[in-house]
Amino acid sequence: GAWMPDPFGKQPNSLLRNNGNGTFSD
């Protein structure tokens, strides 16, 4: 969302969990 003027910058961040098998889950 950075640099974007409101309301376009209202974007979610993501935590992506490492599943230990080569994949990631949000």
PDB file of all heavy atoms in Angstrom:
ATOM      1  N   GLY A   1       0.778  -1.244   0.000  1.00  0.00           N
ATOM      2  CA  GLY A   1       0.000   0.000   0.000  1.00  0.00           C
ATOM      3  C   GLY A   1       0.799   1.278   0.000  1.00  0.00           C
ATOM      4  O   GLY A   1       0.235   2.359  -0.187  1.00  0.00           O
ATOM      5  N   ALA A   2       2.120   1.212   0.209  1.00  0.00           N
ATOM      6  CA  ALA A   2       2.924   2.429   0.302  1.00  0.00           C
ATOM      7  C   ALA A   2       2.881   3.230  -0.997  1.00  0.00           C
ATOM      8  O   ALA A   2       2.695   2.671  -2.074  1.00  0.00           O
ATOM      9  CB  ALA A   2       4.368   2.072   0.640  1.00  0.00           C
ATOM     10  N   TRP A   3       3.073   4.538  -0.857  1.00  0.00           N
ATOM     11  CA  TRP A   3       3.107   5.521  -1.945  1.00  0.00           C
ATOM     12  C   TRP A   3       1.723   5.811  -2.520  1.00  0.00           C
ATOM     13  O   TRP A   3       1.503   6.876  -3.088  1.00  0.00           O
ATOM     14  CB  TRP A   3       4.030   5.084  -3.098  1.00  0.00           C
ATOM     15  CG  TRP A   3       5.482   5.133  -2.797  1.00  0.00           C
ATOM     16  CD1 TRP A   3       6.355   4.096  -2.859  1.00  0.00           C
ATOM     17  CD2 TRP A   3       6.251   6.269  -2.400  1.00  0.00           C
ATOM     18  NE1 TRP A   3       7.634   4.505  -2.529  1.00  0.00           N
ATOM     19  CE2 TRP A   3       7.598   5.839  -2.248  1.00  0.00           C
ATOM     20  CE3 TRP A   3       5.953   7.606  -2.155  1.00  0.00           C
ATOM     21  CZ2 TRP A   3       8.622   6.689  -1.861  1.00  0.00           C
ATOM     22  CZ3 TRP A   3       6.981   8.458  -1.773  1.00  0.00           C
ATOM     23  CH2 TRP A   3       8.289   7.992  -1.637  1.00  0.00           C
ATOM     24  N   MET A   4       0.805   4.872  -2.396  1.00  0.00           N
ATOM     25  CA  MET A   4      -0.520   5.073  -2.978  1.00  0.00           C
ATOM     26  C   MET A   4      -1.296   6.133  -2.188  1.00  0.00           C
ATOM     27  O   MET A   4      -1.318   6.089  -0.957  1.00  0.00           O
ATOM     28  CB  MET A   4      -1.309   3.769  -2.958  1.00  0.00           C
ATOM     29  CG  MET A   4      -0.750   2.682  -3.840  1.00  0.00           C
ATOM     30  SD  MET A   4      -1.381   2.829  -5.504  1.00  0.00           S
ATOM     31  CE  MET A   4      -0.658   1.358  -6.250  1.00  0.00           C
ATOM     32  N   PRO A   5      -1.938   7.057  -2.862  1.00  0.00           N
ATOM     33  CA  PRO A   5      -2.790   8.013  -2.135  1.00  0.00           C
ATOM     34  C   PRO A   5      -4.060   7.316  -1.661  1.00  0.00           C
ATOM     35  O   PRO A   5      -4.506   6.329  -2.249  1.00  0.00           O
ATOM     36  CB  PRO A   5      -3.110   9.071  -3.207  1.00  0.00           C
ATOM     37  CG  PRO A   5      -3.018   8.317  -4.504  1.00  0.00           C
ATOM     38  CD  PRO A   5      -1.918   7.305  -4.314  1.00  0.00           C
ATOM     39  N   ASP A   6      -4.637   7.830  -0.577  1.00  0.00           N
ATOM     40  CA  ASP A   6      -5.925   7.307  -0.124  1.00  0.00           C
ATOM     41  C   ASP A   6      -6.974   7.548  -1.206  1.00  0.00           C
ATOM     42  O   ASP A   6      -6.965   8.590  -1.864  1.00  0.00           O
ATOM     43  CB  ASP A   6      -6.357   8.000   1.173  1.00  0.00           C
ATOM     44  CG  ASP A   6      -5.640   7.430   2.393  1.00  0.00           C
ATOM     45  OD1 ASP A   6      -5.191   6.280   2.326  1.00  0.00           O
ATOM     46  OD2 ASP A   6      -5.528   8.154   3.399  1.00  0.00           O
ATOM     47  N   PRO A   7      -7.889   6.613  -1.414  1.00  0.00           N
ATOM     48  CA  PRO A   7      -8.066   5.372  -0.646  1.00  0.00           C
ATOM     49  C   PRO A   7      -7.294   4.184  -1.209  1.00  0.00           C
ATOM     50  O   PRO A   7      -7.439   3.071  -0.731  1.00  0.00           O
ATOM     51  CB  PRO A   7      -9.571   5.126  -0.775  1.00  0.00           C
ATOM     52  CG  PRO A   7      -9.880   5.598  -2.172  1.00  0.00           C
ATOM     53  CD  PRO A   7      -8.985   6.803  -2.396  1.00  0.00           C
ATOM     54  N   PHE A   8      -6.488   4.422  -2.249  1.00  0.00           N
ATOM     55  CA  PHE A   8      -5.869   3.309  -2.973  1.00  0.00           C
ATOM     56  C   PHE A   8      -4.800   2.592  -2.148  1.00  0.00           C
ATOM     57  O   PHE A   8      -4.445   1.452  -2.438  1.00  0.00           O
ATOM     58  CB  PHE A   8      -5.268   3.808  -4.285  1.00  0.00           C
ATOM     59  CG  PHE A   8      -6.235   4.581  -5.137  1.00  0.00           C
ATOM     60  CD1 PHE A   8      -6.042   5.930  -5.398  1.00  0.00           C
ATOM     61  CD2 PHE A   8      -7.357   3.964  -5.649  1.00  0.00           C
ATOM     62  CE1 PHE A   8      -6.933   6.645  -6.170  1.00  0.00           C
ATOM     63  CE2 PHE A   8      -8.271   4.669  -6.426  1.00  0.00           C
ATOM     64  CZ  PHE A   8      -8.059   6.018  -6.688  1.00  0.00           C
ATOM     65  N   GLY A   9      -4.276   3.245  -1.115  1.00  0.00           N
ATOM     66  CA  GLY A   9      -3.235   2.633  -0.297  1.00  0.00           C
ATOM     67  C   GLY A   9      -3.748   1.735   0.809  1.00  0.00           C
ATOM     68  O   GLY A   9      -2.950   1.125   1.527  1.00  0.00           O
ATOM     69  N   LYS A  10      -5.053   1.658   0.942  1.00  0.00           N
ATOM     70  CA  LYS A  10      -5.613   0.801   1.993  1.00  0.00           C
ATOM     71  C   LYS A  10      -5.553  -0.655   1.542  1.00  0.00           C
ATOM     72  O   LYS A  10      -6.510  -1.197   0.987  1.00  0.00           O
ATOM     73  CB  LYS A  10      -7.045   1.217   2.309  1.00  0.00           C
ATOM     74  CG  LYS A  10      -7.156   2.572   2.995  1.00  0.00           C
ATOM     75  CD  LYS A  10      -8.605   2.885   3.313  1.00  0.00           C
ATOM     76  CE  LYS A  10      -8.748   4.203   4.040  1.00  0.00           C
ATOM     77  NZ  LYS A  10     -10.153   4.504   4.349  1.00  0.00           N
ATOM     78  N   GLN A  11      -4.396  -1.257   1.787  1.00  0.00           N
ATOM     79  CA  GLN A  11      -4.145  -2.634   1.363  1.00  0.00           C
ATOM     80  C   GLN A  11      -3.663  -3.448   2.556  1.00  0.00           C
ATOM     81  O   GLN A  11      -2.974  -2.922   3.435  1.00  0.00           O
ATOM     82  CB  GLN A  11      -3.118  -2.662   0.237  1.00  0.00           C
ATOM     83  CG  GLN A  11      -3.545  -1.897  -1.003  1.00  0.00           C
ATOM     84  CD  GLN A  11      -2.514  -1.929  -2.105  1.00  0.00           C
ATOM     85  OE1 GLN A  11      -1.607  -2.767  -2.107  1.00  0.00           O
ATOM     86  NE2 GLN A  11      -2.631  -1.009  -3.063  1.00  0.00           N
ATOM     87  N   PRO A  12      -3.994  -4.717   2.604  1.00  0.00           N
ATOM     88  CA  PRO A  12      -3.577  -5.528   3.750  1.00  0.00           C
ATOM     89  C   PRO A  12      -2.142  -6.012   3.615  1.00  0.00           C
ATOM     90  O   PRO A  12      -1.642  -6.224   2.508  1.00  0.00           O
ATOM     91  CB  PRO A  12      -4.548  -6.718   3.676  1.00  0.00           C
ATOM     92  CG  PRO A  12      -4.798  -6.886   2.207  1.00  0.00           C
ATOM     93  CD  PRO A  12      -4.820  -5.481   1.645  1.00  0.00           C
ATOM     94  N   ASN A  13      -1.469  -6.164   4.737  1.00  0.00           N
ATOM     95  CA  ASN A  13      -0.194  -6.869   4.771  1.00  0.00           C
ATOM     96  C   ASN A  13      -0.488  -8.373   4.855  1.00  0.00           C
ATOM     97  O   ASN A  13      -1.635  -8.776   5.069  1.00  0.00           O
ATOM     98  CB  ASN A  13       0.638  -6.414   5.969  1.00  0.00           C
ATOM     99  CG  ASN A  13       0.890  -4.920   5.940  1.00  0.00           C
ATOM    100  OD1 ASN A  13       1.178  -4.356   4.901  1.00  0.00           O
ATOM    101  ND2 ASN A  13       0.766  -4.274   7.096  1.00  0.00           N
ATOM    102  N   SER A  14       0.530  -9.194   4.682  1.00  0.00           N
ATOM    103  CA  SER A  14       0.337 -10.647   4.745  1.00  0.00           C
ATOM    104  C   SER A  14       1.414 -11.304   5.589  1.00  0.00           C
ATOM    105  O   SER A  14       2.604 -11.004   5.431  1.00  0.00           O
ATOM    106  CB  SER A  14       0.387 -11.266   3.339  1.00  0.00           C
ATOM    107  OG  SER A  14      -0.823 -11.087   2.654  1.00  0.00           O
ATOM    108  N   LEU A  15       0.986 -12.206   6.459  1.00  0.00           N
ATOM    109  CA  LEU A  15       1.906 -13.105   7.156  1.00  0.00           C
ATOM    110  C   LEU A  15       1.807 -14.465   6.470  1.00  0.00           C
ATOM    111  O   LEU A  15       0.753 -15.094   6.475  1.00  0.00           O
ATOM    112  CB  LEU A  15       1.539 -13.222   8.636  1.00  0.00           C
ATOM    113  CG  LEU A  15       2.398 -14.200   9.459  1.00  0.00           C
ATOM    114  CD1 LEU A  15       3.866 -13.789   9.442  1.00  0.00           C
ATOM    115  CD2 LEU A  15       1.892 -14.278  10.894  1.00  0.00           C
ATOM    116  N   LEU A  16       2.911 -14.904   5.883  1.00  0.00           N
ATOM    117  CA  LEU A  16       2.948 -16.159   5.137  1.00  0.00           C
ATOM    118  C   LEU A  16       3.730 -17.192   5.944  1.00  0.00           C
ATOM    119  O   LEU A  16       4.938 -17.069   6.129  1.00  0.00           O
ATOM    120  CB  LEU A  16       3.595 -15.945   3.768  1.00  0.00           C
ATOM    121  CG  LEU A  16       2.946 -14.857   2.895  1.00  0.00           C
ATOM    122  CD1 LEU A  16       3.701 -14.702   1.583  1.00  0.00           C
ATOM    123  CD2 LEU A  16       1.474 -15.173   2.641  1.00  0.00           C
ATOM    124  N   ARG A  17       3.009 -18.186   6.430  1.00  0.00           N
ATOM    125  CA  ARG A  17       3.618 -19.222   7.268  1.00  0.00           C
ATOM    126  C   ARG A  17       4.370 -20.241   6.403  1.00  0.00           C
ATOM    127  O   ARG A  17       3.846 -20.739   5.405  1.00  0.00           O
ATOM    128  CB  ARG A  17       2.527 -19.938   8.066  1.00  0.00           C
ATOM    129  CG  ARG A  17       3.058 -21.009   9.039  1.00  0.00           C
ATOM    130  CD  ARG A  17       1.913 -21.752   9.699  1.00  0.00           C
ATOM    131  NE  ARG A  17       1.126 -22.489   8.721  1.00  0.00           N
ATOM    132  CZ  ARG A  17      -0.177 -22.731   8.839  1.00  0.00           C
ATOM    133  NH1 ARG A  17      -0.851 -22.267   9.878  1.00  0.00           N
ATOM    134  NH2 ARG A  17      -0.825 -23.404   7.905  1.00  0.00           N
ATOM    135  N   ASN A  18       5.590 -20.523   6.813  1.00  0.00           N
ATOM    136  CA  ASN A  18       6.380 -21.585   6.187  1.00  0.00           C
ATOM    137  C   ASN A  18       5.874 -22.918   6.726  1.00  0.00           C
ATOM    138  O   ASN A  18       5.963 -23.199   7.921  1.00  0.00           O
ATOM    139  CB  ASN A  18       7.862 -21.382   6.529  1.00  0.00           C
ATOM    140  CG  ASN A  18       8.784 -22.331   5.805  1.00  0.00           C
ATOM    141  OD1 ASN A  18       8.390 -23.420   5.395  1.00  0.00           O
ATOM    142  ND2 ASN A  18      10.043 -21.923   5.660  1.00  0.00           N
ATOM    143  N   ASN A  19       5.339 -23.761   5.847  1.00  0.00           N
ATOM    144  CA  ASN A  19       4.737 -25.022   6.265  1.00  0.00           C
ATOM    145  C   ASN A  19       5.750 -26.151   6.431  1.00  0.00           C
ATOM    146  O   ASN A  19       5.369 -27.260   6.845  1.00  0.00           O
ATOM    147  CB  ASN A  19       3.659 -25.450   5.262  1.00  0.00           C
ATOM    148  CG  ASN A  19       2.492 -24.474   5.227  1.00  0.00           C
ATOM    149  OD1 ASN A  19       2.050 -23.976   6.255  1.00  0.00           O
ATOM    150  ND2 ASN A  19       1.998 -24.171   4.031  1.00  0.00           N
ATOM    151  N   GLY A  20       7.008 -25.883   6.094  1.00  0.00           N
ATOM    152  CA  GLY A  20       8.040 -26.893   6.287  1.00  0.00           C
ATOM    153  C   GLY A  20       8.111 -27.941   5.198  1.00  0.00           C
ATOM    154  O   GLY A  20       8.943 -28.845   5.260  1.00  0.00           O
ATOM    155  N   ASN A  21       7.250 -27.823   4.192  1.00  0.00           N
ATOM    156  CA  ASN A  21       7.245 -28.791   3.091  1.00  0.00           C
ATOM    157  C   ASN A  21       7.447 -28.112   1.743  1.00  0.00           C
ATOM    158  O   ASN A  21       7.074 -28.647   0.695  1.00  0.00           O
ATOM    159  CB  ASN A  21       5.927 -29.574   3.085  1.00  0.00           C
ATOM    160  CG  ASN A  21       4.711 -28.661   2.929  1.00  0.00           C
ATOM    161  OD1 ASN A  21       4.853 -27.438   2.802  1.00  0.00           O
ATOM    162  ND2 ASN A  21       3.524 -29.241   2.946  1.00  0.00           N
ATOM    163  N   GLY A  22       8.031 -26.896   1.793  1.00  0.00           N
ATOM    164  CA  GLY A  22       8.270 -26.148   0.562  1.00  0.00           C
ATOM    165  C   GLY A  22       7.138 -25.239   0.165  1.00  0.00           C
ATOM    166  O   GLY A  22       7.210 -24.569  -0.867  1.00  0.00           O
ATOM    167  N   THR A  23       6.068 -25.192   0.980  1.00  0.00           N
ATOM    168  CA  THR A  23       4.925 -24.337   0.663  1.00  0.00           C
ATOM    169  C   THR A  23       4.711 -23.307   1.767  1.00  0.00           C
ATOM    170  O   THR A  23       5.196 -23.458   2.893  1.00  0.00           O
ATOM    171  CB  THR A  23       3.635 -25.155   0.491  1.00  0.00           C
ATOM    172  OG1 THR A  23       3.245 -25.697   1.764  1.00  0.00           O
ATOM    173  CG2 THR A  23       3.829 -26.278  -0.513  1.00  0.00           C
ATOM    174  N   PHE A  24       3.941 -22.271   1.417  1.00  0.00           N
ATOM    175  CA  PHE A  24       3.608 -21.201   2.351  1.00  0.00           C
ATOM    176  C   PHE A  24       2.105 -20.979   2.350  1.00  0.00           C
ATOM    177  O   PHE A  24       1.446 -21.118   1.310  1.00  0.00           O
ATOM    178  CB  PHE A  24       4.318 -19.899   1.965  1.00  0.00           C
ATOM    179  CG  PHE A  24       5.806 -19.930   2.151  1.00  0.00           C
ATOM    180  CD1 PHE A  24       6.624 -20.539   1.198  1.00  0.00           C
ATOM    181  CD2 PHE A  24       6.403 -19.371   3.263  1.00  0.00           C
ATOM    182  CE1 PHE A  24       7.995 -20.578   1.354  1.00  0.00           C
ATOM    183  CE2 PHE A  24       7.781 -19.402   3.433  1.00  0.00           C
ATOM    184  CZ  PHE A  24       8.573 -20.012   2.474  1.00  0.00           C
ATOM    185  N   SER A  25       1.567 -20.614   3.517  1.00  0.00           N
ATOM    186  CA  SER A  25       0.140 -20.325   3.656  1.00  0.00           C
ATOM    187  C   SER A  25      -0.049 -18.951   4.276  1.00  0.00           C
ATOM    188  O   SER A  25       0.676 -18.580   5.210  1.00  0.00           O
ATOM    189  CB  SER A  25      -0.541 -21.367   4.550  1.00  0.00           C
ATOM    190  OG  SER A  25      -0.470 -22.658   3.997  1.00  0.00           O
ATOM    191  N   ASP A  26      -1.009 -18.205   3.761  1.00  0.00           N
ATOM    192  CA  ASP A  26      -1.347 -16.909   4.351  1.00  0.00           C
ATOM    193  C   ASP A  26      -2.187 -17.142   5.604  1.00  0.00           C
ATOM    194  O   ASP A  26      -3.251 -17.756   5.545  1.00  0.00           O
ATOM    195  CB  ASP A  26      -2.118 -16.058   3.345  1.00  0.00           C
ATOM    196  CG  ASP A  26      -2.257 -14.619   3.802  1.00  0.00           C
ATOM    197  OD1 ASP A  26      -2.777 -14.396   4.907  1.00  0.00           O
ATOM    198  OD2 ASP A  26      -1.837 -13.714   3.065  1.00  0.00           O
TER     199      ASP A  26
END
